[in-house]
Amino acid sequence: MSASKSNIRSRLRGFGPIGLIAIVVILLAGNIVGAALVLIWVWASRTPWRALGFVESKRWVSDLAVGVAAGAVFKLLMKAVVMPLLGFEPINAAYHYLSENTAALPAMFFMVIVGAGFGEETIWRGFLFERLRTLLGNSRRATAATLVVPAILFGVAHYREQGLAGAVQSTTTGLAFGIAFLMSGRIWPVMIAHAAFDVTAVLMIYLNLEEPIARLLFR
Protein backbone atom coordinates (compact mmCIF):
# COMPACT_ATOMS: atom_id res chain seq x y z
CA MET A 1 0.00 0.00 0.00
CA SER A 2 1.44 3.35 -0.99
CA ALA A 3 1.74 6.15 1.53
CA SER A 4 -0.48 8.42 -0.61
CA LYS A 5 -3.34 5.88 -0.72
CA SER A 6 -3.09 5.28 3.00
CA ASN A 7 -3.18 9.04 3.61
CA ILE A 8 -6.31 9.49 1.47
CA ARG A 9 -8.06 6.65 3.28
CA SER A 10 -7.25 8.07 6.69
CA ARG A 11 -8.47 11.51 5.60
CA LEU A 12 -11.75 10.08 4.31
CA ARG A 13 -12.32 8.39 7.66
CA GLY A 14 -11.23 11.46 9.60
CA PHE A 15 -13.01 14.74 10.26
CA GLY A 16 -10.66 17.15 8.56
CA PRO A 17 -11.63 19.01 5.36
CA ILE A 18 -11.77 15.89 3.17
CA GLY A 19 -13.77 13.88 5.69
CA LEU A 20 -16.26 16.70 6.29
CA ILE A 21 -16.67 17.37 2.57
CA ALA A 22 -17.41 13.68 2.04
CA ILE A 23 -20.16 13.81 4.69
CA VAL A 24 -21.76 16.96 3.23
CA VAL A 25 -21.65 15.66 -0.36
CA ILE A 26 -23.24 12.35 0.64
CA LEU A 27 -26.01 14.03 2.64
CA LEU A 28 -26.83 16.44 -0.19
CA ALA A 29 -26.55 13.98 -3.08
CA GLY A 30 -29.99 12.40 -2.79
CA ASN A 31 -31.03 8.94 -1.72
CA ILE A 32 -29.80 6.71 -4.54
CA VAL A 33 -26.73 8.73 -5.53
CA GLY A 34 -25.89 9.35 -1.86
CA ALA A 35 -26.13 5.64 -1.07
CA ALA A 36 -23.85 4.86 -4.02
CA LEU A 37 -21.36 7.43 -2.70
CA VAL A 38 -21.51 5.77 0.73
CA LEU A 39 -20.56 2.44 -0.83
CA ILE A 40 -17.68 4.13 -2.67
CA TRP A 41 -16.64 5.84 0.58
CA VAL A 42 -16.61 2.49 2.41
CA TRP A 43 -14.45 0.95 -0.29
CA ALA A 44 -12.10 3.95 -0.66
CA SER A 45 -11.65 4.45 3.09
CA ARG A 46 -11.37 0.73 3.85
CA THR A 47 -14.08 1.06 6.48
CA PRO A 48 -15.38 -2.36 7.55
CA TRP A 49 -18.81 -3.08 6.08
CA ARG A 50 -19.89 -4.31 9.50
CA ALA A 51 -19.44 -0.79 10.88
CA LEU A 52 -22.38 0.36 8.75
CA GLY A 53 -24.52 -2.65 9.63
CA PHE A 54 -23.88 -4.60 6.44
CA VAL A 55 -23.70 -7.92 8.24
CA GLU A 56 -24.64 -11.12 6.44
CA SER A 57 -27.91 -12.49 7.74
CA LYS A 58 -28.40 -16.16 8.60
CA ARG A 59 -32.18 -15.76 8.70
CA TRP A 60 -33.28 -13.87 5.61
CA VAL A 61 -36.80 -15.28 5.61
CA SER A 62 -37.52 -14.18 9.18
CA ASP A 63 -35.81 -10.82 8.59
CA LEU A 64 -38.05 -10.25 5.58
CA ALA A 65 -41.24 -11.32 7.35
CA VAL A 66 -40.57 -9.36 10.54
CA GLY A 67 -39.38 -6.29 8.64
CA VAL A 68 -42.42 -6.18 6.36
CA ALA A 69 -44.85 -6.72 9.24
CA ALA A 70 -43.14 -4.19 11.50
CA GLY A 71 -42.96 -1.52 8.79
CA ALA A 72 -46.59 -1.92 7.76
CA VAL A 73 -47.91 -1.93 11.35
CA PHE A 74 -45.73 1.06 12.24
CA LYS A 75 -47.19 3.07 9.33
CA LEU A 76 -50.74 2.16 10.37
CA LEU A 77 -50.02 3.30 13.92
CA MET A 78 -48.51 6.56 12.70
CA LYS A 79 -51.52 7.26 10.48
CA ALA A 80 -54.24 6.11 12.89
CA VAL A 81 -52.79 7.21 16.24
CA VAL A 82 -49.66 9.38 16.31
CA MET A 83 -50.37 11.93 13.58
CA PRO A 84 -54.04 12.48 14.56
CA LEU A 85 -53.01 12.98 18.20
CA LEU A 86 -50.55 15.64 17.06
CA GLY A 87 -53.33 17.39 15.14
CA PHE A 88 -52.09 16.89 11.57
CA GLU A 89 -54.39 16.54 8.58
CA PRO A 90 -54.92 12.98 7.34
CA ILE A 91 -54.14 13.70 3.68
CA ASN A 92 -50.52 13.82 2.53
CA ALA A 93 -50.86 16.64 0.03
CA ALA A 94 -47.38 16.16 -1.43
CA TYR A 95 -48.25 12.68 -2.68
CA HIS A 96 -52.01 12.88 -3.12
CA TYR A 97 -51.48 12.72 -6.89
CA LEU A 98 -50.94 8.97 -6.38
CA SER A 99 -54.63 8.52 -5.56
CA GLU A 100 -55.98 5.99 -8.10
CA ASN A 101 -52.99 6.84 -10.30
CA THR A 102 -51.93 3.36 -11.44
CA ALA A 103 -49.43 4.70 -13.97
CA ALA A 104 -47.41 6.38 -11.23
CA LEU A 105 -47.10 3.28 -9.01
CA PRO A 106 -44.10 1.49 -10.62
CA ALA A 107 -41.82 4.52 -10.36
CA MET A 108 -43.03 5.29 -6.85
CA PHE A 109 -42.52 1.72 -5.65
CA PHE A 110 -38.99 1.82 -7.06
CA MET A 111 -38.30 5.06 -5.20
CA VAL A 112 -39.67 3.88 -1.85
CA ILE A 113 -38.01 0.46 -1.99
CA VAL A 114 -34.65 1.38 -3.52
CA GLY A 115 -34.43 5.10 -2.80
CA ALA A 116 -35.95 5.10 0.68
CA GLY A 117 -35.54 1.56 1.98
CA PHE A 118 -32.00 1.01 0.74
CA GLY A 119 -30.82 4.56 0.05
CA GLU A 120 -32.03 6.46 3.10
CA GLU A 121 -31.09 3.72 5.54
CA THR A 122 -27.61 3.40 4.04
CA ILE A 123 -27.10 7.15 4.45
CA TRP A 124 -29.01 8.18 7.58
CA ARG A 125 -28.52 5.11 9.72
CA GLY A 126 -25.56 3.14 8.37
CA PHE A 127 -23.21 5.92 7.27
CA LEU A 128 -24.18 8.73 9.65
CA PHE A 129 -24.30 6.45 12.69
CA GLU A 130 -20.80 5.19 11.87
CA ARG A 131 -19.50 8.73 11.48
CA LEU A 132 -21.02 9.93 14.77
CA ARG A 133 -19.89 6.89 16.73
CA THR A 134 -16.37 7.32 15.37
CA LEU A 135 -16.44 10.99 16.35
CA LEU A 136 -18.26 10.80 19.69
CA GLY A 137 -17.56 7.31 20.99
CA ASN A 138 -19.94 4.84 22.62
CA SER A 139 -20.90 6.47 25.91
CA ARG A 140 -24.58 6.83 26.78
CA ARG A 141 -24.60 10.50 25.84
CA ALA A 142 -22.75 9.76 22.61
CA THR A 143 -25.21 6.99 21.73
CA ALA A 144 -28.15 9.32 22.45
CA ALA A 145 -26.63 11.96 20.17
CA THR A 146 -25.96 9.34 17.50
CA LEU A 147 -29.64 8.43 17.63
CA VAL A 148 -31.18 11.89 17.89
CA VAL A 149 -29.04 13.99 15.52
CA PRO A 150 -29.63 11.87 12.38
CA ALA A 151 -33.35 11.63 13.21
CA ILE A 152 -33.68 15.42 13.40
CA LEU A 153 -31.67 15.92 10.22
CA PHE A 154 -33.78 13.24 8.54
CA GLY A 155 -36.90 15.17 9.51
CA VAL A 156 -35.46 18.47 8.27
CA ALA A 157 -34.61 16.82 4.95
CA HIS A 158 -38.31 16.03 4.45
CA TYR A 159 -39.63 19.46 5.45
CA ARG A 160 -39.36 21.20 2.09
CA GLU A 161 -41.34 18.57 0.23
CA GLN A 162 -43.81 17.44 2.89
CA GLY A 163 -44.04 20.36 5.31
CA LEU A 164 -44.17 20.15 9.10
CA ALA A 165 -46.24 16.95 9.13
CA GLY A 166 -43.69 15.19 6.96
CA ALA A 167 -40.81 16.48 9.06
CA VAL A 168 -42.42 15.30 12.31
CA GLN A 169 -43.26 11.90 10.87
CA SER A 170 -39.76 11.49 9.42
CA THR A 171 -38.14 12.46 12.72
CA THR A 172 -40.33 9.94 14.54
CA THR A 173 -39.56 7.17 12.07
CA GLY A 174 -35.89 8.13 12.16
CA LEU A 175 -35.87 7.59 15.92
CA ALA A 176 -37.68 4.26 15.62
CA PHE A 177 -35.48 2.92 12.83
CA GLY A 178 -32.42 4.24 14.65
CA ILE A 179 -33.33 2.39 17.83
CA ALA A 180 -33.91 -0.80 15.83
CA PHE A 181 -30.54 -0.40 14.15
CA LEU A 182 -28.71 0.26 17.41
CA MET A 183 -30.33 -2.78 19.03
CA SER A 184 -29.71 -5.20 16.16
CA GLY A 185 -26.48 -3.87 14.69
CA ARG A 186 -27.79 -4.94 11.28
CA ILE A 187 -29.05 -2.63 8.57
CA TRP A 188 -31.00 -5.14 6.43
CA PRO A 189 -34.05 -5.57 8.71
CA VAL A 190 -34.30 -1.79 9.08
CA MET A 191 -34.15 -1.34 5.30
CA ILE A 192 -36.96 -3.86 4.87
CA ALA A 193 -39.10 -2.21 7.56
CA HIS A 194 -38.52 1.25 6.02
CA ALA A 195 -39.49 0.01 2.55
CA ALA A 196 -42.61 -1.69 3.95
CA PHE A 197 -43.53 1.51 5.83
CA ASP A 198 -43.37 3.56 2.65
CA VAL A 199 -45.08 0.94 0.46
CA THR A 200 -47.95 0.88 2.97
CA ALA A 201 -48.12 4.68 2.81
CA VAL A 202 -48.27 4.61 -0.99
CA LEU A 203 -51.03 2.00 -0.98
CA MET A 204 -53.04 4.05 1.53
CA ILE A 205 -52.91 7.04 -0.78
CA TYR A 206 -53.58 5.02 -3.93
CA LEU A 207 -56.63 3.32 -2.39
CA ASN A 208 -57.93 6.55 -0.81
CA LEU A 209 -57.61 5.07 2.68
CA GLU A 210 -55.66 7.87 4.36
CA GLU A 211 -58.65 9.67 5.81
CA PRO A 212 -60.64 6.57 6.86
CA ILE A 213 -57.62 5.17 8.69
CA ALA A 214 -56.78 8.55 10.27
CA ARG A 215 -60.40 8.88 11.48
CA LEU A 216 -60.63 5.31 12.71
CA LEU A 217 -59.98 6.20 16.35
CA PHE A 218 -60.16 10.00 16.37
CA ARG A 219 -63.13 11.43 14.46
C-alpha atoms as a PDB file:
ATOM      1  CA  MET A   1       0.000   0.000   0.000  1.00  0.00           C
ATOM      2  CA  SER A   2       1.443   3.349  -0.995  1.00  0.00           C
ATOM      3  CA  ALA A   3       1.737   6.153   1.531  1.00  0.00           C
ATOM      4  CA  SER A   4      -0.476   8.417  -0.606  1.00  0.00           C
ATOM      5  CA  LYS A   5      -3.341   5.875  -0.722  1.00  0.00           C
ATOM      6  CA  SER A   6      -3.092   5.279   3.000  1.00  0.00           C
ATOM      7  CA  ASN A   7      -3.182   9.039   3.610  1.00  0.00           C
ATOM      8  CA  ILE A   8      -6.312   9.491   1.474  1.00  0.00           C
ATOM      9  CA  ARG A   9      -8.058   6.651   3.275  1.00  0.00           C
ATOM     10  CA  SER A  10      -7.250   8.068   6.688  1.00  0.00           C
ATOM     11  CA  ARG A  11      -8.474  11.505   5.604  1.00  0.00           C
ATOM     12  CA  LEU A  12     -11.750  10.080   4.308  1.00  0.00           C
ATOM     13  CA  ARG A  13     -12.317   8.391   7.655  1.00  0.00           C
ATOM     14  CA  GLY A  14     -11.232  11.463   9.603  1.00  0.00           C
ATOM     15  CA  PHE A  15     -13.009  14.743  10.256  1.00  0.00           C
ATOM     16  CA  GLY A  16     -10.658  17.151   8.560  1.00  0.00           C
ATOM     17  CA  PRO A  17     -11.633  19.008   5.356  1.00  0.00           C
ATOM     18  CA  ILE A  18     -11.774  15.888   3.165  1.00  0.00           C
ATOM     19  CA  GLY A  19     -13.775  13.882   5.689  1.00  0.00           C
ATOM     20  CA  LEU A  20     -16.261  16.699   6.285  1.00  0.00           C
ATOM     21  CA  ILE A  21     -16.670  17.370   2.566  1.00  0.00           C
ATOM     22  CA  ALA A  22     -17.409  13.679   2.036  1.00  0.00           C
ATOM     23  CA  ILE A  23     -20.158  13.809   4.688  1.00  0.00           C
ATOM     24  CA  VAL A  24     -21.758  16.955   3.231  1.00  0.00           C
ATOM     25  CA  VAL A  25     -21.646  15.665  -0.356  1.00  0.00           C
ATOM     26  CA  ILE A  26     -23.244  12.355   0.643  1.00  0.00           C
ATOM     27  CA  LEU A  27     -26.014  14.026   2.637  1.00  0.00           C
ATOM     28  CA  LEU A  28     -26.826  16.440  -0.193  1.00  0.00           C
ATOM     29  CA  ALA A  29     -26.553  13.980  -3.076  1.00  0.00           C
ATOM     30  CA  GLY A  30     -29.993  12.399  -2.794  1.00  0.00           C
ATOM     31  CA  ASN A  31     -31.034   8.937  -1.723  1.00  0.00           C
ATOM     32  CA  ILE A  32     -29.803   6.712  -4.537  1.00  0.00           C
ATOM     33  CA  VAL A  33     -26.727   8.725  -5.528  1.00  0.00           C
ATOM     34  CA  GLY A  34     -25.892   9.352  -1.860  1.00  0.00           C
ATOM     35  CA  ALA A  35     -26.128   5.636  -1.070  1.00  0.00           C
ATOM     36  CA  ALA A  36     -23.846   4.855  -4.019  1.00  0.00           C
ATOM     37  CA  LEU A  37     -21.362   7.427  -2.702  1.00  0.00           C
ATOM     38  CA  VAL A  38     -21.508   5.771   0.735  1.00  0.00           C
ATOM     39  CA  LEU A  39     -20.557   2.440  -0.832  1.00  0.00           C
ATOM     40  CA  ILE A  40     -17.683   4.129  -2.674  1.00  0.00           C
ATOM     41  CA  TRP A  41     -16.639   5.838   0.580  1.00  0.00           C
ATOM     42  CA  VAL A  42     -16.609   2.491   2.413  1.00  0.00           C
ATOM     43  CA  TRP A  43     -14.453   0.948  -0.293  1.00  0.00           C
ATOM     44  CA  ALA A  44     -12.098   3.946  -0.655  1.00  0.00           C
ATOM     45  CA  SER A  45     -11.650   4.452   3.089  1.00  0.00           C
ATOM     46  CA  ARG A  46     -11.367   0.729   3.848  1.00  0.00           C
ATOM     47  CA  THR A  47     -14.085   1.062   6.475  1.00  0.00           C
ATOM     48  CA  PRO A  48     -15.379  -2.364   7.554  1.00  0.00           C
ATOM     49  CA  TRP A  49     -18.811  -3.083   6.084  1.00  0.00           C
ATOM     50  CA  ARG A  50     -19.894  -4.315   9.497  1.00  0.00           C
ATOM     51  CA  ALA A  51     -19.436  -0.790  10.880  1.00  0.00           C
ATOM     52  CA  LEU A  52     -22.380   0.357   8.746  1.00  0.00           C
ATOM     53  CA  GLY A  53     -24.520  -2.653   9.630  1.00  0.00           C
ATOM     54  CA  PHE A  54     -23.876  -4.600   6.436  1.00  0.00           C
ATOM     55  CA  VAL A  55     -23.697  -7.917   8.235  1.00  0.00           C
ATOM     56  CA  GLU A  56     -24.639 -11.124   6.436  1.00  0.00           C
ATOM     57  CA  SER A  57     -27.910 -12.488   7.744  1.00  0.00           C
ATOM     58  CA  LYS A  58     -28.396 -16.157   8.598  1.00  0.00           C
ATOM     59  CA  ARG A  59     -32.175 -15.761   8.703  1.00  0.00           C
ATOM     60  CA  TRP A  60     -33.280 -13.869   5.611  1.00  0.00           C
ATOM     61  CA  VAL A  61     -36.801 -15.284   5.612  1.00  0.00           C
ATOM     62  CA  SER A  62     -37.524 -14.181   9.185  1.00  0.00           C
ATOM     63  CA  ASP A  63     -35.811 -10.817   8.590  1.00  0.00           C
ATOM     64  CA  LEU A  64     -38.051 -10.247   5.583  1.00  0.00           C
ATOM     65  CA  ALA A  65     -41.238 -11.322   7.350  1.00  0.00           C
ATOM     66  CA  VAL A  66     -40.571  -9.361  10.538  1.00  0.00           C
ATOM     67  CA  GLY A  67     -39.378  -6.292   8.641  1.00  0.00           C
ATOM     68  CA  VAL A  68     -42.416  -6.184   6.363  1.00  0.00           C
ATOM     69  CA  ALA A  69     -44.851  -6.720   9.236  1.00  0.00           C
ATOM     70  CA  ALA A  70     -43.139  -4.188  11.502  1.00  0.00           C
ATOM     71  CA  GLY A  71     -42.956  -1.524   8.794  1.00  0.00           C
ATOM     72  CA  ALA A  72     -46.594  -1.921   7.765  1.00  0.00           C
ATOM     73  CA  VAL A  73     -47.906  -1.927  11.349  1.00  0.00           C
ATOM     74  CA  PHE A  74     -45.733   1.065  12.239  1.00  0.00           C
ATOM     75  CA  LYS A  75     -47.188   3.065   9.332  1.00  0.00           C
ATOM     76  CA  LEU A  76     -50.738   2.157  10.367  1.00  0.00           C
ATOM     77  CA  LEU A  77     -50.018   3.299  13.923  1.00  0.00           C
ATOM     78  CA  MET A  78     -48.514   6.557  12.699  1.00  0.00           C
ATOM     79  CA  LYS A  79     -51.525   7.259  10.479  1.00  0.00           C
ATOM     80  CA  ALA A  80     -54.244   6.115  12.892  1.00  0.00           C
ATOM     81  CA  VAL A  81     -52.786   7.207  16.244  1.00  0.00           C
ATOM     82  CA  VAL A  82     -49.663   9.384  16.306  1.00  0.00           C
ATOM     83  CA  MET A  83     -50.371  11.930  13.577  1.00  0.00           C
ATOM     84  CA  PRO A  84     -54.044  12.479  14.564  1.00  0.00           C
ATOM     85  CA  LEU A  85     -53.012  12.981  18.205  1.00  0.00           C
ATOM     86  CA  LEU A  86     -50.551  15.637  17.055  1.00  0.00           C
ATOM     87  CA  GLY A  87     -53.325  17.393  15.142  1.00  0.00           C
ATOM     88  CA  PHE A  88     -52.092  16.887  11.568  1.00  0.00           C
ATOM     89  CA  GLU A  89     -54.393  16.544   8.585  1.00  0.00           C
ATOM     90  CA  PRO A  90     -54.919  12.979   7.342  1.00  0.00           C
ATOM     91  CA  ILE A  91     -54.135  13.702   3.681  1.00  0.00           C
ATOM     92  CA  ASN A  92     -50.518  13.819   2.531  1.00  0.00           C
ATOM     93  CA  ALA A  93     -50.857  16.645   0.030  1.00  0.00           C
ATOM     94  CA  ALA A  94     -47.378  16.158  -1.432  1.00  0.00           C
ATOM     95  CA  TYR A  95     -48.251  12.678  -2.675  1.00  0.00           C
ATOM     96  CA  HIS A  96     -52.012  12.879  -3.124  1.00  0.00           C
ATOM     97  CA  TYR A  97     -51.476  12.719  -6.892  1.00  0.00           C
ATOM     98  CA  LEU A  98     -50.942   8.975  -6.375  1.00  0.00           C
ATOM     99  CA  SER A  99     -54.631   8.515  -5.560  1.00  0.00           C
ATOM    100  CA  GLU A 100     -55.982   5.991  -8.102  1.00  0.00           C
ATOM    101  CA  ASN A 101     -52.986   6.837 -10.302  1.00  0.00           C
ATOM    102  CA  THR A 102     -51.926   3.365 -11.435  1.00  0.00           C
ATOM    103  CA  ALA A 103     -49.427   4.702 -13.973  1.00  0.00           C
ATOM    104  CA  ALA A 104     -47.405   6.382 -11.226  1.00  0.00           C
ATOM    105  CA  LEU A 105     -47.105   3.283  -9.011  1.00  0.00           C
ATOM    106  CA  PRO A 106     -44.101   1.488 -10.618  1.00  0.00           C
ATOM    107  CA  ALA A 107     -41.821   4.523 -10.365  1.00  0.00           C
ATOM    108  CA  MET A 108     -43.035   5.290  -6.847  1.00  0.00           C
ATOM    109  CA  PHE A 109     -42.518   1.722  -5.651  1.00  0.00           C
ATOM    110  CA  PHE A 110     -38.992   1.824  -7.058  1.00  0.00           C
ATOM    111  CA  MET A 111     -38.303   5.057  -5.201  1.00  0.00           C
ATOM    112  CA  VAL A 112     -39.667   3.883  -1.854  1.00  0.00           C
ATOM    113  CA  ILE A 113     -38.009   0.455  -1.991  1.00  0.00           C
ATOM    114  CA  VAL A 114     -34.651   1.377  -3.517  1.00  0.00           C
ATOM    115  CA  GLY A 115     -34.430   5.100  -2.804  1.00  0.00           C
ATOM    116  CA  ALA A 116     -35.950   5.102   0.678  1.00  0.00           C
ATOM    117  CA  GLY A 117     -35.537   1.560   1.978  1.00  0.00           C
ATOM    118  CA  PHE A 118     -31.999   1.009   0.739  1.00  0.00           C
ATOM    119  CA  GLY A 119     -30.816   4.559   0.050  1.00  0.00           C
ATOM    120  CA  GLU A 120     -32.033   6.461   3.095  1.00  0.00           C
ATOM    121  CA  GLU A 121     -31.092   3.720   5.545  1.00  0.00           C
ATOM    122  CA  THR A 122     -27.613   3.404   4.044  1.00  0.00           C
ATOM    123  CA  ILE A 123     -27.098   7.155   4.452  1.00  0.00           C
ATOM    124  CA  TRP A 124     -29.010   8.185   7.580  1.00  0.00           C
ATOM    125  CA  ARG A 125     -28.516   5.107   9.723  1.00  0.00           C
ATOM    126  CA  GLY A 126     -25.559   3.137   8.370  1.00  0.00           C
ATOM    127  CA  PHE A 127     -23.215   5.920   7.273  1.00  0.00           C
ATOM    128  CA  LEU A 128     -24.177   8.728   9.650  1.00  0.00           C
ATOM    129  CA  PHE A 129     -24.300   6.445  12.687  1.00  0.00           C
ATOM    130  CA  GLU A 130     -20.797   5.187  11.866  1.00  0.00           C
ATOM    131  CA  ARG A 131     -19.504   8.729  11.477  1.00  0.00           C
ATOM    132  CA  LEU A 132     -21.024   9.933  14.766  1.00  0.00           C
ATOM    133  CA  ARG A 133     -19.886   6.885  16.727  1.00  0.00           C
ATOM    134  CA  THR A 134     -16.371   7.316  15.370  1.00  0.00           C
ATOM    135  CA  LEU A 135     -16.441  10.994  16.351  1.00  0.00           C
ATOM    136  CA  LEU A 136     -18.261  10.802  19.692  1.00  0.00           C
ATOM    137  CA  GLY A 137     -17.565   7.313  20.989  1.00  0.00           C
ATOM    138  CA  ASN A 138     -19.945   4.842  22.619  1.00  0.00           C
ATOM    139  CA  SER A 139     -20.896   6.466  25.915  1.00  0.00           C
ATOM    140  CA  ARG A 140     -24.584   6.833  26.784  1.00  0.00           C
ATOM    141  CA  ARG A 141     -24.596  10.497  25.837  1.00  0.00           C
ATOM    142  CA  ALA A 142     -22.750   9.763  22.611  1.00  0.00           C
ATOM    143  CA  THR A 143     -25.206   6.994  21.733  1.00  0.00           C
ATOM    144  CA  ALA A 144     -28.147   9.321  22.451  1.00  0.00           C
ATOM    145  CA  ALA A 145     -26.628  11.960  20.168  1.00  0.00           C
ATOM    146  CA  THR A 146     -25.960   9.344  17.502  1.00  0.00           C
ATOM    147  CA  LEU A 147     -29.638   8.428  17.628  1.00  0.00           C
ATOM    148  CA  VAL A 148     -31.184  11.886  17.889  1.00  0.00           C
ATOM    149  CA  VAL A 149     -29.037  13.992  15.522  1.00  0.00           C
ATOM    150  CA  PRO A 150     -29.632  11.866  12.381  1.00  0.00           C
ATOM    151  CA  ALA A 151     -33.355  11.629  13.213  1.00  0.00           C
ATOM    152  CA  ILE A 152     -33.679  15.419  13.404  1.00  0.00           C
ATOM    153  CA  LEU A 153     -31.667  15.916  10.216  1.00  0.00           C
ATOM    154  CA  PHE A 154     -33.784  13.244   8.544  1.00  0.00           C
ATOM    155  CA  GLY A 155     -36.899  15.175   9.508  1.00  0.00           C
ATOM    156  CA  VAL A 156     -35.462  18.468   8.274  1.00  0.00           C
ATOM    157  CA  ALA A 157     -34.607  16.819   4.951  1.00  0.00           C
ATOM    158  CA  HIS A 158     -38.306  16.032   4.446  1.00  0.00           C
ATOM    159  CA  TYR A 159     -39.625  19.459   5.446  1.00  0.00           C
ATOM    160  CA  ARG A 160     -39.355  21.203   2.088  1.00  0.00           C
ATOM    161  CA  GLU A 161     -41.343  18.567   0.226  1.00  0.00           C
ATOM    162  CA  GLN A 162     -43.814  17.442   2.888  1.00  0.00           C
ATOM    163  CA  GLY A 163     -44.035  20.362   5.314  1.00  0.00           C
ATOM    164  CA  LEU A 164     -44.175  20.147   9.102  1.00  0.00           C
ATOM    165  CA  ALA A 165     -46.242  16.952   9.132  1.00  0.00           C
ATOM    166  CA  GLY A 166     -43.693  15.186   6.957  1.00  0.00           C
ATOM    167  CA  ALA A 167     -40.809  16.485   9.063  1.00  0.00           C
ATOM    168  CA  VAL A 168     -42.423  15.298  12.305  1.00  0.00           C
ATOM    169  CA  GLN A 169     -43.260  11.899  10.867  1.00  0.00           C
ATOM    170  CA  SER A 170     -39.761  11.493   9.420  1.00  0.00           C
ATOM    171  CA  THR A 171     -38.141  12.462  12.719  1.00  0.00           C
ATOM    172  CA  THR A 172     -40.325   9.940  14.536  1.00  0.00           C
ATOM    173  CA  THR A 173     -39.560   7.170  12.069  1.00  0.00           C
ATOM    174  CA  GLY A 174     -35.889   8.130  12.163  1.00  0.00           C
ATOM    175  CA  LEU A 175     -35.874   7.595  15.918  1.00  0.00           C
ATOM    176  CA  ALA A 176     -37.685   4.263  15.621  1.00  0.00           C
ATOM    177  CA  PHE A 177     -35.485   2.925  12.829  1.00  0.00           C
ATOM    178  CA  GLY A 178     -32.416   4.235  14.646  1.00  0.00           C
ATOM    179  CA  ILE A 179     -33.325   2.385  17.834  1.00  0.00           C
ATOM    180  CA  ALA A 180     -33.913  -0.796  15.827  1.00  0.00           C
ATOM    181  CA  PHE A 181     -30.536  -0.401  14.146  1.00  0.00           C
ATOM    182  CA  LEU A 182     -28.712   0.257  17.409  1.00  0.00           C
ATOM    183  CA  MET A 183     -30.330  -2.781  19.032  1.00  0.00           C
ATOM    184  CA  SER A 184     -29.714  -5.196  16.162  1.00  0.00           C
ATOM    185  CA  GLY A 185     -26.485  -3.873  14.686  1.00  0.00           C
ATOM    186  CA  ARG A 186     -27.788  -4.944  11.279  1.00  0.00           C
ATOM    187  CA  ILE A 187     -29.054  -2.630   8.570  1.00  0.00           C
ATOM    188  CA  TRP A 188     -30.998  -5.140   6.426  1.00  0.00           C
ATOM    189  CA  PRO A 189     -34.052  -5.570   8.708  1.00  0.00           C
ATOM    190  CA  VAL A 190     -34.302  -1.793   9.077  1.00  0.00           C
ATOM    191  CA  MET A 191     -34.153  -1.335   5.301  1.00  0.00           C
ATOM    192  CA  ILE A 192     -36.955  -3.861   4.869  1.00  0.00           C
ATOM    193  CA  ALA A 193     -39.097  -2.207   7.555  1.00  0.00           C
ATOM    194  CA  HIS A 194     -38.524   1.246   6.019  1.00  0.00           C
ATOM    195  CA  ALA A 195     -39.488   0.009   2.552  1.00  0.00           C
ATOM    196  CA  ALA A 196     -42.610  -1.691   3.954  1.00  0.00           C
ATOM    197  CA  PHE A 197     -43.530   1.507   5.830  1.00  0.00           C
ATOM    198  CA  ASP A 198     -43.369   3.560   2.646  1.00  0.00           C
ATOM    199  CA  VAL A 199     -45.082   0.944   0.462  1.00  0.00           C
ATOM    200  CA  THR A 200     -47.946   0.881   2.971  1.00  0.00           C
ATOM    201  CA  ALA A 201     -48.116   4.684   2.813  1.00  0.00           C
ATOM    202  CA  VAL A 202     -48.269   4.612  -0.991  1.00  0.00           C
ATOM    203  CA  LEU A 203     -51.032   1.995  -0.976  1.00  0.00           C
ATOM    204  CA  MET A 204     -53.038   4.047   1.534  1.00  0.00           C
ATOM    205  CA  ILE A 205     -52.911   7.039  -0.779  1.00  0.00           C
ATOM    206  CA  TYR A 206     -53.579   5.021  -3.932  1.00  0.00           C
ATOM    207  CA  LEU A 207     -56.633   3.318  -2.388  1.00  0.00           C
ATOM    208  CA  ASN A 208     -57.926   6.554  -0.810  1.00  0.00           C
ATOM    209  CA  LEU A 209     -57.613   5.071   2.680  1.00  0.00           C
ATOM    210  CA  GLU A 210     -55.662   7.875   4.359  1.00  0.00           C
ATOM    211  CA  GLU A 211     -58.653   9.675   5.812  1.00  0.00           C
ATOM    212  CA  PRO A 212     -60.635   6.570   6.858  1.00  0.00           C
ATOM    213  CA  ILE A 213     -57.620   5.174   8.694  1.00  0.00           C
ATOM    214  CA  ALA A 214     -56.782   8.549  10.275  1.00  0.00           C
ATOM    215  CA  ARG A 215     -60.404   8.882  11.478  1.00  0.00           C
ATOM    216  CA  LEU A 216     -60.631   5.314  12.706  1.00  0.00           C
ATOM    217  CA  LEU A 217     -59.975   6.204  16.351  1.00  0.00           C
ATOM    218  CA  PHE A 218     -60.164  10.002  16.374  1.00  0.00           C
ATOM    219  CA  ARG A 219     -63.129  11.427  14.463  1.00  0.00           C
END
